Amino acid sequence: MPLIAQWICIAIDWAGTLAGVFAFVHALTQRPDAYTVADRKTKPIWAAITGGSTVVLGFAGFYGTGQIFWLVAIIAVLVYLVDVRPKLIEVQRGGRSW
């Protein structure tokens, strides 16, 4: 593999791992009742999903034999960041009144 491709894979690995750490920390710092009000899974479930995904992202690579595990983990983290996190923020701020 060319050197530039290796650097791109390393950058993708690090970006995925950092996204996982951010999602995990965010999941831990939210109020447990916000998950219920937002009609999402409970706080322990999302903490386990994001925490486990972060571990997988740290050890499995974007390119190689662990790629399928990396893809499943990044999808789980992105679901949290794109779907659950905005809903939790909206619920904790009081939601929209219009």
Protein backbone atom coordinates (compact mmCIF):
# COMPACT_ATOMS: atom_id res chain seq x y z
CA MET A 1 0.00 0.00 0.00
CA PRO A 2 1.37 3.45 -0.85
CA LEU A 3 2.52 5.64 2.00
CA ILE A 4 -0.20 8.26 1.46
CA ALA A 5 -2.88 5.53 1.67
CA GLN A 6 -1.38 4.34 4.96
CA TRP A 7 -1.52 7.87 6.37
CA ILE A 8 -5.14 8.24 5.25
CA CYS A 9 -6.07 4.95 6.96
CA ILE A 10 -4.32 6.06 10.14
CA ALA A 11 -6.18 9.39 10.05
CA ILE A 12 -9.51 7.59 9.60
CA ASP A 13 -8.66 5.25 12.50
CA TRP A 14 -7.85 8.16 14.80
CA ALA A 15 -10.91 10.15 13.76
CA GLY A 16 -13.16 7.17 14.46
CA THR A 17 -11.56 6.56 17.84
CA LEU A 18 -11.87 10.22 18.84
CA ALA A 19 -15.53 10.24 17.77
CA GLY A 20 -16.06 7.16 19.93
CA VAL A 21 -14.41 8.76 22.95
CA PHE A 22 -16.53 11.89 22.50
CA ALA A 23 -19.74 9.84 22.21
CA PHE A 24 -18.84 7.75 25.28
CA VAL A 25 -18.05 10.78 27.44
CA HIS A 26 -21.21 12.51 26.27
CA ALA A 27 -23.31 9.42 27.04
CA LEU A 28 -21.85 9.27 30.55
CA THR A 29 -22.43 12.94 31.34
CA GLN A 30 -26.13 13.07 30.46
CA ARG A 31 -28.98 12.73 32.94
CA PRO A 32 -30.50 9.22 33.02
CA ASP A 33 -34.07 10.53 32.80
CA ALA A 34 -33.28 12.41 29.59
CA TYR A 35 -32.90 9.11 27.73
CA THR A 36 -36.37 8.01 28.85
CA VAL A 37 -37.97 11.33 27.95
CA ALA A 38 -36.22 11.30 24.57
CA ASP A 39 -37.67 7.81 23.97
CA ARG A 40 -34.25 6.26 23.48
CA LYS A 41 -32.53 3.31 25.17
CA THR A 42 -31.38 3.80 28.76
CA LYS A 43 -28.18 5.51 29.81
CA PRO A 44 -26.36 2.26 30.76
CA ILE A 45 -27.18 0.73 27.39
CA TRP A 46 -25.85 3.72 25.44
CA ALA A 47 -22.80 3.93 27.70
CA ALA A 48 -22.09 0.26 26.97
CA ILE A 49 -22.68 0.66 23.23
CA THR A 50 -20.47 3.73 22.88
CA GLY A 51 -17.83 2.42 25.29
CA GLY A 52 -17.61 -0.96 23.59
CA SER A 53 -17.54 0.67 20.19
CA THR A 54 -14.70 2.94 21.29
CA VAL A 55 -12.66 -0.07 22.41
CA VAL A 56 -13.29 -1.78 19.07
CA LEU A 57 -12.38 1.39 17.17
CA GLY A 58 -9.16 1.60 19.15
CA PHE A 59 -8.07 -1.96 18.43
CA ALA A 60 -9.62 -2.89 15.08
CA GLY A 61 -8.37 -1.07 12.04
CA PHE A 62 -10.21 0.66 9.24
CA TYR A 63 -8.10 -1.33 6.81
CA GLY A 64 -7.37 -4.98 7.41
CA THR A 65 -8.87 -8.06 8.98
CA GLY A 66 -10.80 -6.16 11.66
CA GLN A 67 -12.50 -3.87 9.17
CA ILE A 68 -15.98 -5.37 9.61
CA PHE A 69 -15.82 -4.84 13.38
CA TRP A 70 -14.57 -1.30 12.85
CA LEU A 71 -17.48 -0.56 10.52
CA VAL A 72 -20.07 -1.89 12.98
CA ALA A 73 -18.49 0.15 15.79
CA ILE A 74 -18.37 3.40 13.81
CA ILE A 75 -22.00 2.95 12.77
CA ALA A 76 -23.00 2.56 16.43
CA VAL A 77 -21.06 5.70 17.39
CA LEU A 78 -22.53 7.67 14.49
CA VAL A 79 -26.07 6.61 15.42
CA TYR A 80 -25.47 8.01 18.88
CA LEU A 81 -23.94 11.24 17.57
CA VAL A 82 -26.49 11.86 14.82
CA ASP A 83 -29.70 10.57 16.41
CA VAL A 84 -29.49 10.20 20.19
CA ARG A 85 -27.26 13.15 21.12
CA PRO A 86 -29.37 15.84 19.38
CA LYS A 87 -32.54 14.45 20.92
CA LEU A 88 -30.98 14.46 24.40
CA ILE A 89 -29.84 18.05 23.95
CA GLU A 90 -33.30 19.07 22.77
CA VAL A 91 -35.00 17.35 25.72
CA GLN A 92 -32.65 18.88 28.29
CA ARG A 93 -33.08 22.38 26.85
CA GLY A 94 -36.84 22.11 27.02
CA GLY A 95 -37.55 21.23 23.40
CA ARG A 96 -39.19 23.41 20.83
CA SER A 97 -42.31 25.30 21.79
CA TRP A 98 -43.47 26.15 18.28
